[in-house]
PDB file of N, CA and C in Angstrom:
ATOM      1  N   MET A   1       0.750  -1.118  -0.258  1.00  0.00           N
ATOM      2  CA  MET A   1      -0.058   0.013   0.438  1.00  0.00           C
ATOM      3  C   MET A   1       0.605   1.277   0.022  1.00  0.00           C
ATOM      4  N   ALA A   2       2.068   1.031   0.824  1.00  0.00           N
ATOM      5  CA  ALA A   2       2.833   2.316   1.043  1.00  0.00           C
ATOM      6  C   ALA A   2       3.432   2.781  -0.657  1.00  0.00           C
ATOM      7  N   TYR A   3       3.757   1.507  -0.923  1.00  0.00           N
ATOM      8  CA  TYR A   3       4.427   1.727  -2.455  1.00  0.00           C
ATOM      9  C   TYR A   3       3.587   2.273  -3.685  1.00  0.00           C
ATOM     10  N   LEU A   4       2.057   1.858  -3.511  1.00  0.00           N
ATOM     11  CA  LEU A   4       1.049   2.512  -4.192  1.00  0.00           C
ATOM     12  C   LEU A   4       1.212   3.740  -4.049  1.00  0.00           C
ATOM     13  N   ASN A   5       1.121   4.384  -2.772  1.00  0.00           N
ATOM     14  CA  ASN A   5       0.939   5.717  -2.224  1.00  0.00           C
ATOM     15  C   ASN A   5       1.973   6.534  -2.939  1.00  0.00           C
ATOM     16  N   TYR A   6       3.536   5.691  -2.709  1.00  0.00           N
ATOM     17  CA  TYR A   6       4.656   6.521  -3.481  1.00  0.00           C
ATOM     18  C   TYR A   6       4.465   6.856  -4.814  1.00  0.00           C
ATOM     19  N   PHE A   7       3.844   5.914  -5.662  1.00  0.00           N
ATOM     20  CA  PHE A   7       3.831   5.768  -7.143  1.00  0.00           C
ATOM     21  C   PHE A   7       2.858   6.714  -7.553  1.00  0.00           C
ATOM     22  N   MET A   8       1.669   6.765  -6.616  1.00  0.00           N
ATOM     23  CA  MET A   8       0.656   8.036  -7.284  1.00  0.00           C
ATOM     24  C   MET A   8       1.475   9.171  -7.017  1.00  0.00           C
ATOM     25  N   GLU A   9       2.007   9.771  -5.809  1.00  0.00           N
ATOM     26  CA  GLU A   9       2.608  10.992  -5.646  1.00  0.00           C
ATOM     27  C   GLU A   9       3.734  11.087  -6.640  1.00  0.00           C
ATOM     28  N   SER A  10       4.499  10.390  -7.064  1.00  0.00           N
ATOM     29  CA  SER A  10       5.588  10.449  -8.159  1.00  0.00           C
ATOM     30  C   SER A  10       4.849  10.789  -9.131  1.00  0.00           C
ATOM     31  N   PHE A  11       3.642  10.291  -9.633  1.00  0.00           N
ATOM     32  CA  PHE A  11       3.058  10.152 -10.966  1.00  0.00           C
ATOM     33  C   PHE A  11       2.499  11.654 -11.140  1.00  0.00           C
ATOM     34  N   TYR A  12       1.918  11.798  -9.604  1.00  0.00           N
ATOM     35  CA  TYR A  12       0.947  13.323 -10.247  1.00  0.00           C
ATOM     36  C   TYR A  12       1.928  14.544  -9.969  1.00  0.00           C
ATOM     37  N   ALA A  13       3.639  14.393  -9.182  1.00  0.00           N
ATOM     38  CA  ALA A  13       4.410  15.199  -9.353  1.00  0.00           C
ATOM     39  C   ALA A  13       4.784  15.011 -10.753  1.00  0.00           C
ATOM     40  N   ALA A  14       4.935  13.968 -11.693  1.00  0.00           N
ATOM     41  CA  ALA A  14       5.641  14.493 -12.915  1.00  0.00           C
ATOM     42  C   ALA A  14       4.609  15.077 -13.947  1.00  0.00           C
ATOM     43  N   LEU A  15       3.377  14.302 -13.504  1.00  0.00           N
ATOM     44  CA  LEU A  15       2.375  15.034 -14.459  1.00  0.00           C
ATOM     45  C   LEU A  15       2.399  16.313 -14.415  1.00  0.00           C
ATOM     46  N   ASN A  16       2.100  17.084 -13.069  1.00  0.00           N
ATOM     47  CA  ASN A  16       2.094  18.255 -13.170  1.00  0.00           C
ATOM     48  C   ASN A  16       3.564  18.985 -13.246  1.00  0.00           C
ATOM     49  N   THR A  17       4.491  18.673 -13.601  1.00  0.00           N
ATOM     50  CA  THR A  17       5.905  18.922 -14.378  1.00  0.00           C
ATOM     51  C   THR A  17       5.309  19.308 -15.528  1.00  0.00           C
ATOM     52  N   VAL A  18       4.802  18.093 -16.297  1.00  0.00           N
ATOM     53  CA  VAL A  18       4.636  18.249 -17.772  1.00  0.00           C
ATOM     54  C   VAL A  18       3.653  19.418 -17.923  1.00  0.00           C
ATOM     55  N   PHE A  19       2.473  19.316 -17.251  1.00  0.00           N
ATOM     56  CA  PHE A  19       1.763  20.554 -17.634  1.00  0.00           C
ATOM     57  C   PHE A  19       2.206  21.721 -17.634  1.00  0.00           C
ATOM     58  N   SER A  20       3.131  21.980 -16.353  1.00  0.00           N
ATOM     59  CA  SER A  20       3.574  23.180 -15.874  1.00  0.00           C
ATOM     60  C   SER A  20       4.589  23.802 -16.898  1.00  0.00           C
ATOM     61  N   SER A  21       5.279  22.949 -17.727  1.00  0.00           N
ATOM     62  CA  SER A  21       6.175  23.194 -18.898  1.00  0.00           C
ATOM     63  C   SER A  21       5.306  23.362 -19.839  1.00  0.00           C
ATOM     64  N   VAL A  22       4.183  22.744 -20.191  1.00  0.00           N
ATOM     65  CA  VAL A  22       3.313  23.059 -21.464  1.00  0.00           C
ATOM     66  C   VAL A  22       2.771  24.548 -21.359  1.00  0.00           C
ATOM     67  N   ASP A  23       2.294  24.866 -20.096  1.00  0.00           N
ATOM     68  CA  ASP A  23       1.532  25.891 -19.265  1.00  0.00           C
ATOM     69  C   ASP A  23       2.572  27.060 -19.639  1.00  0.00           C
ATOM     70  N   LYS A  24       3.977  26.917 -19.627  1.00  0.00           N
ATOM     71  CA  LYS A  24       4.888  27.782 -19.619  1.00  0.00           C
ATOM     72  C   LYS A  24       5.180  28.325 -21.451  1.00  0.00           C
ATOM     73  N   GLY A  25       4.992  27.256 -21.725  1.00  0.00           N
ATOM     74  CA  GLY A  25       5.417  27.238 -23.454  1.00  0.00           C
ATOM     75  C   GLY A  25       4.025  28.250 -24.028  1.00  0.00           C
ATOM     76  N   PHE A  26       3.054  27.737 -23.473  1.00  0.00           N
ATOM     77  CA  PHE A  26       1.692  28.529 -24.279  1.00  0.00           C
ATOM     78  C   PHE A  26       2.031  30.014 -23.563  1.00  0.00           C
ATOM     79  N   ARG A  27       2.348  29.951 -22.470  1.00  0.00           N
ATOM     80  CA  ARG A  27       2.537  31.344 -22.216  1.00  0.00           C
ATOM     81  C   ARG A  27       3.607  32.443 -22.613  1.00  0.00           C
ATOM     82  N   ALA A  28       5.000  31.767 -22.999  1.00  0.00           N
ATOM     83  CA  ALA A  28       5.652  32.498 -23.788  1.00  0.00           C
ATOM     84  C   ALA A  28       5.376  32.645 -24.974  1.00  0.00           C
ATOM     85  N   ARG A  29       4.602  31.794 -25.798  1.00  0.00           N
ATOM     86  CA  ARG A  29       4.246  31.684 -26.771  1.00  0.00           C
ATOM     87  C   ARG A  29       3.371  33.176 -27.236  1.00  0.00           C
ATOM     88  N   ARG A  30       2.564  33.128 -26.352  1.00  0.00           N
ATOM     89  CA  ARG A  30       1.485  34.327 -26.413  1.00  0.00           C
ATOM     90  C   ARG A  30       2.127  35.706 -25.934  1.00  0.00           C
ATOM     91  N   ALA A  31       3.347  35.770 -25.034  1.00  0.00           N
ATOM     92  CA  ALA A  31       4.036  36.947 -25.099  1.00  0.00           C
ATOM     93  C   ALA A  31       4.791  37.200 -26.204  1.00  0.00           C
ATOM     94  N   TYR A  32       5.394  36.332 -26.913  1.00  0.00           N
ATOM     95  CA  TYR A  32       6.470  36.632 -27.952  1.00  0.00           C
ATOM     96  C   TYR A  32       5.092  37.192 -29.026  1.00  0.00           C
ATOM     97  N   GLU A  33       3.557  36.696 -29.184  1.00  0.00           N
ATOM     98  CA  GLU A  33       2.935  36.835 -30.092  1.00  0.00           C
ATOM     99  C   GLU A  33       2.523  38.511 -30.040  1.00  0.00           C
ATOM    100  N   GLU A  34       2.633  38.431 -28.861  1.00  0.00           N
ATOM    101  CA  GLU A  34       1.680  39.944 -28.422  1.00  0.00           C
ATOM    102  C   GLU A  34       2.784  40.805 -28.555  1.00  0.00           C
ATOM    103  N   LEU A  35       3.990  41.012 -28.171  1.00  0.00           N
ATOM    104  CA  LEU A  35       5.086  41.987 -28.464  1.00  0.00           C
ATOM    105  C   LEU A  35       5.575  41.920 -29.755  1.00  0.00           C
ATOM    106  N   ASN A  36       5.108  40.894 -30.207  1.00  0.00           N
ATOM    107  CA  ASN A  36       5.492  41.276 -32.059  1.00  0.00           C
ATOM    108  C   ASN A  36       4.374  41.802 -32.789  1.00  0.00           C
ATOM    109  N   ARG A  37       3.117  41.755 -32.488  1.00  0.00           N
ATOM    110  CA  ARG A  37       1.951  42.529 -32.650  1.00  0.00           C
ATOM    111  C   ARG A  37       2.199  44.144 -32.986  1.00  0.00           C
ATOM    112  N   LEU A  38       3.180  44.368 -31.489  1.00  0.00           N
ATOM    113  CA  LEU A  38       3.160  45.907 -31.623  1.00  0.00           C
ATOM    114  C   LEU A  38       4.107  46.610 -32.619  1.00  0.00           C
ATOM    115  N   ASN A  39       3.345  47.793 -32.950  1.00  0.00           N
ATOM    116  CA  ASN A  39       4.532  48.673 -34.312  1.00  0.00           C
ATOM    117  C   ASN A  39       6.038  48.878 -33.207  1.00  0.00           C
ATOM    118  N   ASP A  40       6.920  49.440 -34.048  1.00  0.00           N
ATOM    119  CA  ASP A  40       7.989  49.907 -33.886  1.00  0.00           C
ATOM    120  C   ASP A  40       7.970  51.113 -32.793  1.00  0.00           C
ATOM    121  N   ARG A  41       6.934  52.150 -32.993  1.00  0.00           N
ATOM    122  CA  ARG A  41       6.932  53.003 -32.154  1.00  0.00           C
ATOM    123  C   ARG A  41       6.651  52.516 -30.569  1.00  0.00           C
ATOM    124  N   GLU A  42       5.396  51.831 -30.783  1.00  0.00           N
ATOM    125  CA  GLU A  42       5.254  51.062 -29.070  1.00  0.00           C
ATOM    126  C   GLU A  42       6.025  50.638 -28.541  1.00  0.00           C
ATOM    127  N   LEU A  43       6.926  49.381 -29.490  1.00  0.00           N
ATOM    128  CA  LEU A  43       8.069  48.584 -28.665  1.00  0.00           C
ATOM    129  C   LEU A  43       9.053  49.612 -27.860  1.00  0.00           C
ATOM    130  N   ARG A  44       9.360  50.887 -28.810  1.00  0.00           N
ATOM    131  CA  ARG A  44      10.409  52.145 -28.517  1.00  0.00           C
ATOM    132  C   ARG A  44      10.008  52.958 -27.132  1.00  0.00           C
ATOM    133  N   ASP A  45       8.571  52.896 -27.463  1.00  0.00           N
ATOM    134  CA  ASP A  45       7.997  53.098 -25.956  1.00  0.00           C
ATOM    135  C   ASP A  45       8.090  52.379 -24.948  1.00  0.00           C
ATOM    136  N   LEU A  46       8.360  51.162 -25.019  1.00  0.00           N
ATOM    137  CA  LEU A  46       8.560  50.198 -24.158  1.00  0.00           C
ATOM    138  C   LEU A  46      10.098  50.054 -23.732  1.00  0.00           C
ATOM    139  N   GLY A  47      10.884  50.478 -24.489  1.00  0.00           N
ATOM    140  CA  GLY A  47      12.373  50.493 -24.508  1.00  0.00           C
ATOM    141  C   GLY A  47      12.717  49.267 -24.880  1.00  0.00           C
ATOM    142  N   ILE A  48      12.236  48.671 -26.124  1.00  0.00           N
ATOM    143  CA  ILE A  48      12.360  47.113 -26.538  1.00  0.00           C
ATOM    144  C   ILE A  48      12.582  47.474 -27.874  1.00  0.00           C
ATOM    145  N   ALA A  49      13.539  46.720 -28.675  1.00  0.00           N
ATOM    146  CA  ALA A  49      13.935  46.553 -30.140  1.00  0.00           C
ATOM    147  C   ALA A  49      13.347  45.665 -30.592  1.00  0.00           C
ATOM    148  N   ARG A  50      12.598  45.413 -31.456  1.00  0.00           N
ATOM    149  CA  ARG A  50      12.169  44.484 -32.205  1.00  0.00           C
ATOM    150  C   ARG A  50      12.923  42.982 -32.429  1.00  0.00           C
ATOM    151  N   TYR A  51      13.982  43.448 -32.457  1.00  0.00           N
ATOM    152  CA  TYR A  51      15.323  41.939 -32.538  1.00  0.00           C
ATOM    153  C   TYR A  51      15.387  41.339 -31.155  1.00  0.00           C
ATOM    154  N   ASP A  52      14.977  42.358 -29.898  1.00  0.00           N
ATOM    155  CA  ASP A  52      15.204  41.661 -28.516  1.00  0.00           C
ATOM    156  C   ASP A  52      13.870  40.895 -28.090  1.00  0.00           C
ATOM    157  N   ILE A  53      12.799  40.886 -28.729  1.00  0.00           N
ATOM    158  CA  ILE A  53      11.666  40.040 -28.180  1.00  0.00           C
ATOM    159  C   ILE A  53      12.285  38.498 -28.372  1.00  0.00           C
ATOM    160  N   PRO A  54      12.646  37.788 -28.924  1.00  0.00           N
ATOM    161  CA  PRO A  54      13.278  36.755 -28.465  1.00  0.00           C
ATOM    162  C   PRO A  54      13.777  36.478 -27.248  1.00  0.00           C
ATOM    163  N   ARG A  55      14.816  37.483 -27.265  1.00  0.00           N
ATOM    164  CA  ARG A  55      15.518  37.145 -26.179  1.00  0.00           C
ATOM    165  C   ARG A  55      14.865  37.627 -24.816  1.00  0.00           C
ATOM    166  N   ILE A  56      14.023  38.893 -24.921  1.00  0.00           N
ATOM    167  CA  ILE A  56      13.455  39.022 -23.819  1.00  0.00           C
ATOM    168  C   ILE A  56      12.466  37.901 -23.390  1.00  0.00           C
ATOM    169  N   VAL A  57      11.319  37.080 -24.426  1.00  0.00           N
ATOM    170  CA  VAL A  57      10.642  36.151 -23.769  1.00  0.00           C
ATOM    171  C   VAL A  57      11.408  35.001 -23.255  1.00  0.00           C
ATOM    172  N   SER A  58      12.751  34.689 -23.896  1.00  0.00           N
ATOM    173  CA  SER A  58      13.563  33.575 -23.233  1.00  0.00           C
ATOM    174  C   SER A  58      13.947  33.687 -22.211  1.00  0.00           C
ATOM    175  N   GLU A  59      14.188  35.055 -21.825  1.00  0.00           N
ATOM    176  CA  GLU A  59      15.128  35.319 -20.315  1.00  0.00           C
ATOM    177  C   GLU A  59      13.780  35.417 -19.040  1.00  0.00           C
ATOM    178  N   SER A  60      12.467  35.674 -19.644  1.00  0.00           N
ATOM    179  CA  SER A  60      11.644  35.677 -18.460  1.00  0.00           C
ATOM    180  C   SER A  60      11.299  34.051 -18.675  1.00  0.00           C
ATOM    181  N   VAL A  61      11.224  33.194 -19.745  1.00  0.00           N
ATOM    182  CA  VAL A  61      11.028  31.714 -19.356  1.00  0.00           C
ATOM    183  C   VAL A  61      11.693  31.296 -18.404  1.00  0.00           C
ATOM    184  N   LYS A  62      13.176  31.620 -18.857  1.00  0.00           N
ATOM    185  CA  LYS A  62      14.367  30.961 -17.750  1.00  0.00           C
ATOM    186  C   LYS A  62      14.166  31.349 -16.348  1.00  0.00           C
ATOM    187  N   THR A  63      13.719  32.775 -16.209  1.00  0.00           N
ATOM    188  CA  THR A  63      13.855  33.170 -14.716  1.00  0.00           C
ATOM    189  C   THR A  63      12.583  32.899 -14.364  1.00  0.00           C
ATOM    190  N   GLN A  64      11.513  32.261 -14.983  1.00  0.00           N
ATOM    191  CA  GLN A  64      10.466  31.730 -14.637  1.00  0.00           C
ATOM    192  C   GLN A  64       9.235  33.159 -14.092  1.00  0.00           C
ATOM    193  N   ALA A  65       9.354  34.003 -15.256  1.00  0.00           N
ATOM    194  CA  ALA A  65       8.552  35.185 -14.691  1.00  0.00           C
ATOM    195  C   ALA A  65       6.867  34.706 -15.089  1.00  0.00           C
ATOM    196  N   PHE A  66       6.711  33.445 -15.716  1.00  0.00           N
ATOM    197  CA  PHE A  66       5.539  32.798 -16.146  1.00  0.00           C
ATOM    198  C   PHE A  66       4.959  31.700 -14.917  1.00  0.00           C
ATOM    199  N   ARG A  67       4.806  32.292 -14.063  1.00  0.00           N
ATOM    200  CA  ARG A  67       4.470  31.020 -12.953  1.00  0.00           C
ATOM    201  C   ARG A  67       2.951  31.312 -12.592  1.00  0.00           C
TER     202      ARG A  67
END
């Protein structure tokens, strides 16, 4: 019985990790698309150059800004 509980806890933890990763991917893609939709003037107002968008999104994911 204890083995079954351990298995279920491990299974749910792994499942949670998978869903969390998928969710982060969706959020990163949405952020990328939203930033990419802005025109150059709007990006400049935010202090962002268009070529910085992939780096900004990537850093946000690495620092877990998408919690």
